[in-house]
Amino acid sequence: MDKDMKKVVKALKAQGFDVEVTRKGHLMVYREGRLVTTFSGTASDWRAMKNGIAKARRAGFKWPP
């Protein structure tokens, strides 16, 4: 996980989201028990993190904090 993703995960946890790391390194983001989005452990697409943040924002995530 790179430094930018660590900042996002820290902000997600601070705002009440649950973040779990799978055995394959993916980050599963939950809100009140429901899956919000999934982040790849090593995303090759530069839009992957932005798309994940967009889904989280639709679920109430405030970014940038």
N, C-alpha and C. Protein backbone atom coordinates (compact mmCIF):
# COMPACT_ATOMS: atom_id res chain seq x y z
N MET A 1 0.86 -1.17 0.00
CA MET A 1 0.00 0.00 0.00
C MET A 1 0.90 1.23 0.00
N ASP A 2 0.66 2.14 -0.91
CA ASP A 2 1.49 3.34 -1.00
C ASP A 2 1.03 4.40 0.00
N LYS A 3 1.79 5.48 0.10
CA LYS A 3 1.51 6.50 1.12
C LYS A 3 0.19 7.22 0.88
N ASP A 4 -0.20 7.41 -0.36
CA ASP A 4 -1.48 8.07 -0.64
C ASP A 4 -2.65 7.20 -0.19
N MET A 5 -2.55 5.90 -0.43
CA MET A 5 -3.61 4.99 -0.01
C MET A 5 -3.68 4.91 1.51
N LYS A 6 -2.55 4.99 2.19
CA LYS A 6 -2.55 4.98 3.66
C LYS A 6 -3.29 6.20 4.21
N LYS A 7 -3.15 7.35 3.55
CA LYS A 7 -3.87 8.55 3.97
C LYS A 7 -5.37 8.36 3.81
N VAL A 8 -5.78 7.75 2.69
CA VAL A 8 -7.20 7.52 2.43
C VAL A 8 -7.76 6.55 3.46
N VAL A 9 -7.03 5.47 3.74
CA VAL A 9 -7.50 4.48 4.71
C VAL A 9 -7.63 5.10 6.09
N LYS A 10 -6.67 5.92 6.48
CA LYS A 10 -6.72 6.60 7.78
C LYS A 10 -7.96 7.49 7.87
N ALA A 11 -8.25 8.23 6.80
CA ALA A 11 -9.41 9.11 6.78
C ALA A 11 -10.71 8.31 6.78
N LEU A 12 -10.73 7.19 6.06
CA LEU A 12 -11.92 6.34 6.05
C LEU A 12 -12.23 5.83 7.45
N LYS A 13 -11.22 5.33 8.14
CA LYS A 13 -11.41 4.81 9.49
C LYS A 13 -11.85 5.92 10.45
N ALA A 14 -11.30 7.12 10.29
CA ALA A 14 -11.66 8.24 11.16
C ALA A 14 -13.12 8.65 10.97
N GLN A 15 -13.67 8.40 9.78
CA GLN A 15 -15.04 8.80 9.49
C GLN A 15 -16.04 7.66 9.67
N GLY A 16 -15.60 6.57 10.29
CA GLY A 16 -16.54 5.51 10.65
C GLY A 16 -16.66 4.37 9.66
N PHE A 17 -15.82 4.32 8.66
CA PHE A 17 -15.83 3.21 7.73
C PHE A 17 -14.97 2.08 8.27
N ASP A 18 -15.29 0.86 7.91
CA ASP A 18 -14.47 -0.29 8.27
C ASP A 18 -13.66 -0.69 7.04
N VAL A 19 -12.37 -0.92 7.23
CA VAL A 19 -11.48 -1.30 6.14
C VAL A 19 -10.84 -2.63 6.49
N GLU A 20 -10.99 -3.61 5.61
CA GLU A 20 -10.40 -4.92 5.80
C GLU A 20 -9.45 -5.20 4.64
N VAL A 21 -8.35 -5.87 4.96
CA VAL A 21 -7.39 -6.27 3.94
C VAL A 21 -7.59 -7.76 3.68
N THR A 22 -7.78 -8.13 2.43
CA THR A 22 -7.97 -9.53 2.08
C THR A 22 -6.62 -10.23 2.02
N ARG A 23 -6.67 -11.55 1.86
CA ARG A 23 -5.43 -12.33 1.76
C ARG A 23 -4.61 -11.93 0.54
N LYS A 24 -5.26 -11.44 -0.49
CA LYS A 24 -4.56 -11.05 -1.72
C LYS A 24 -4.16 -9.59 -1.73
N GLY A 25 -4.40 -8.87 -0.63
CA GLY A 25 -3.95 -7.49 -0.52
C GLY A 25 -4.94 -6.44 -0.95
N HIS A 26 -6.17 -6.83 -1.26
CA HIS A 26 -7.18 -5.84 -1.63
C HIS A 26 -7.77 -5.22 -0.37
N LEU A 27 -8.24 -4.00 -0.49
CA LEU A 27 -8.85 -3.29 0.63
C LEU A 27 -10.35 -3.23 0.41
N MET A 28 -11.10 -3.83 1.31
CA MET A 28 -12.55 -3.83 1.24
C MET A 28 -13.06 -2.78 2.21
N VAL A 29 -13.87 -1.85 1.73
CA VAL A 29 -14.37 -0.75 2.55
C VAL A 29 -15.86 -0.98 2.81
N TYR A 30 -16.23 -0.97 4.10
CA TYR A 30 -17.61 -1.21 4.51
C TYR A 30 -18.14 -0.02 5.29
N ARG A 31 -19.44 0.21 5.18
CA ARG A 31 -20.13 1.23 5.98
C ARG A 31 -21.39 0.57 6.51
N GLU A 32 -21.49 0.47 7.82
CA GLU A 32 -22.63 -0.15 8.49
C GLU A 32 -22.88 -1.56 7.98
N GLY A 33 -21.81 -2.31 7.75
CA GLY A 33 -21.92 -3.70 7.32
C GLY A 33 -22.12 -3.92 5.83
N ARG A 34 -22.25 -2.85 5.07
CA ARG A 34 -22.46 -2.97 3.62
C ARG A 34 -21.19 -2.61 2.88
N LEU A 35 -20.87 -3.37 1.85
CA LEU A 35 -19.69 -3.10 1.03
C LEU A 35 -19.88 -1.81 0.24
N VAL A 36 -18.92 -0.90 0.40
CA VAL A 36 -18.99 0.37 -0.32
C VAL A 36 -18.13 0.31 -1.57
N THR A 37 -16.88 -0.09 -1.42
CA THR A 37 -15.96 -0.17 -2.55
C THR A 37 -14.80 -1.09 -2.22
N THR A 38 -14.04 -1.41 -3.24
CA THR A 38 -12.84 -2.24 -3.10
C THR A 38 -11.69 -1.52 -3.76
N PHE A 39 -10.57 -1.43 -3.05
CA PHE A 39 -9.35 -0.87 -3.62
C PHE A 39 -8.38 -2.00 -3.89
N SER A 40 -7.71 -1.96 -5.01
CA SER A 40 -6.69 -2.94 -5.32
C SER A 40 -5.45 -2.68 -4.49
N GLY A 41 -4.77 -3.74 -4.11
CA GLY A 41 -3.55 -3.58 -3.33
C GLY A 41 -2.45 -2.91 -4.13
N THR A 42 -2.35 -3.26 -5.40
CA THR A 42 -1.36 -2.66 -6.29
C THR A 42 -2.05 -2.29 -7.59
N ALA A 43 -2.67 -1.16 -7.60
CA ALA A 43 -3.44 -0.74 -8.78
C ALA A 43 -2.51 -0.34 -9.92
N SER A 44 -2.77 -0.88 -11.10
CA SER A 44 -1.98 -0.49 -12.26
C SER A 44 -2.63 0.65 -13.03
N ASP A 45 -3.91 0.86 -12.80
CA ASP A 45 -4.65 1.94 -13.46
C ASP A 45 -4.61 3.18 -12.57
N TRP A 46 -4.20 4.30 -13.10
CA TRP A 46 -4.07 5.52 -12.31
C TRP A 46 -5.41 6.06 -11.83
N ARG A 47 -6.51 5.62 -12.44
CA ARG A 47 -7.84 6.08 -12.04
C ARG A 47 -8.46 5.21 -10.94
N ALA A 48 -7.85 4.10 -10.62
CA ALA A 48 -8.45 3.14 -9.69
C ALA A 48 -8.72 3.77 -8.33
N MET A 49 -7.76 4.50 -7.78
CA MET A 49 -7.97 5.10 -6.47
C MET A 49 -9.03 6.20 -6.54
N LYS A 50 -9.03 6.99 -7.60
CA LYS A 50 -10.02 8.05 -7.74
C LYS A 50 -11.43 7.47 -7.87
N ASN A 51 -11.56 6.37 -8.59
CA ASN A 51 -12.88 5.73 -8.73
C ASN A 51 -13.35 5.17 -7.39
N GLY A 52 -12.45 4.59 -6.62
CA GLY A 52 -12.81 4.07 -5.30
C GLY A 52 -13.22 5.17 -4.35
N ILE A 53 -12.50 6.29 -4.39
CA ILE A 53 -12.85 7.43 -3.55
C ILE A 53 -14.21 7.99 -3.94
N ALA A 54 -14.50 8.01 -5.24
CA ALA A 54 -15.80 8.51 -5.71
C ALA A 54 -16.94 7.67 -5.16
N LYS A 55 -16.77 6.34 -5.15
CA LYS A 55 -17.80 5.46 -4.60
C LYS A 55 -17.96 5.70 -3.10
N ALA A 56 -16.84 5.88 -2.40
CA ALA A 56 -16.90 6.13 -0.95
C ALA A 56 -17.57 7.47 -0.66
N ARG A 57 -17.32 8.47 -1.51
CA ARG A 57 -17.95 9.78 -1.31
C ARG A 57 -19.46 9.69 -1.46
N ARG A 58 -19.93 8.83 -2.36
CA ARG A 58 -21.37 8.63 -2.52
C ARG A 58 -21.99 8.01 -1.27
N ALA A 59 -21.13 7.32 -0.48
CA ALA A 59 -21.60 6.69 0.76
C ALA A 59 -21.40 7.59 1.97
N GLY A 60 -20.94 8.84 1.75
CA GLY A 60 -20.80 9.78 2.85
C GLY A 60 -19.38 10.15 3.24
N PHE A 61 -18.39 9.65 2.53
CA PHE A 61 -16.99 9.95 2.83
C PHE A 61 -16.65 11.37 2.39
N LYS A 62 -15.99 12.11 3.27
CA LYS A 62 -15.56 13.48 2.95
C LYS A 62 -14.08 13.45 2.58
N TRP A 63 -13.76 13.78 1.32
CA TRP A 63 -12.37 13.82 0.86
C TRP A 63 -12.17 15.03 0.00
N PRO A 64 -11.16 15.80 0.15
CA PRO A 64 -10.11 15.67 1.17
C PRO A 64 -10.63 16.08 2.53
N PRO A 65 -10.05 15.44 3.58
CA PRO A 65 -10.55 15.68 4.94
C PRO A 65 -10.31 17.10 5.43
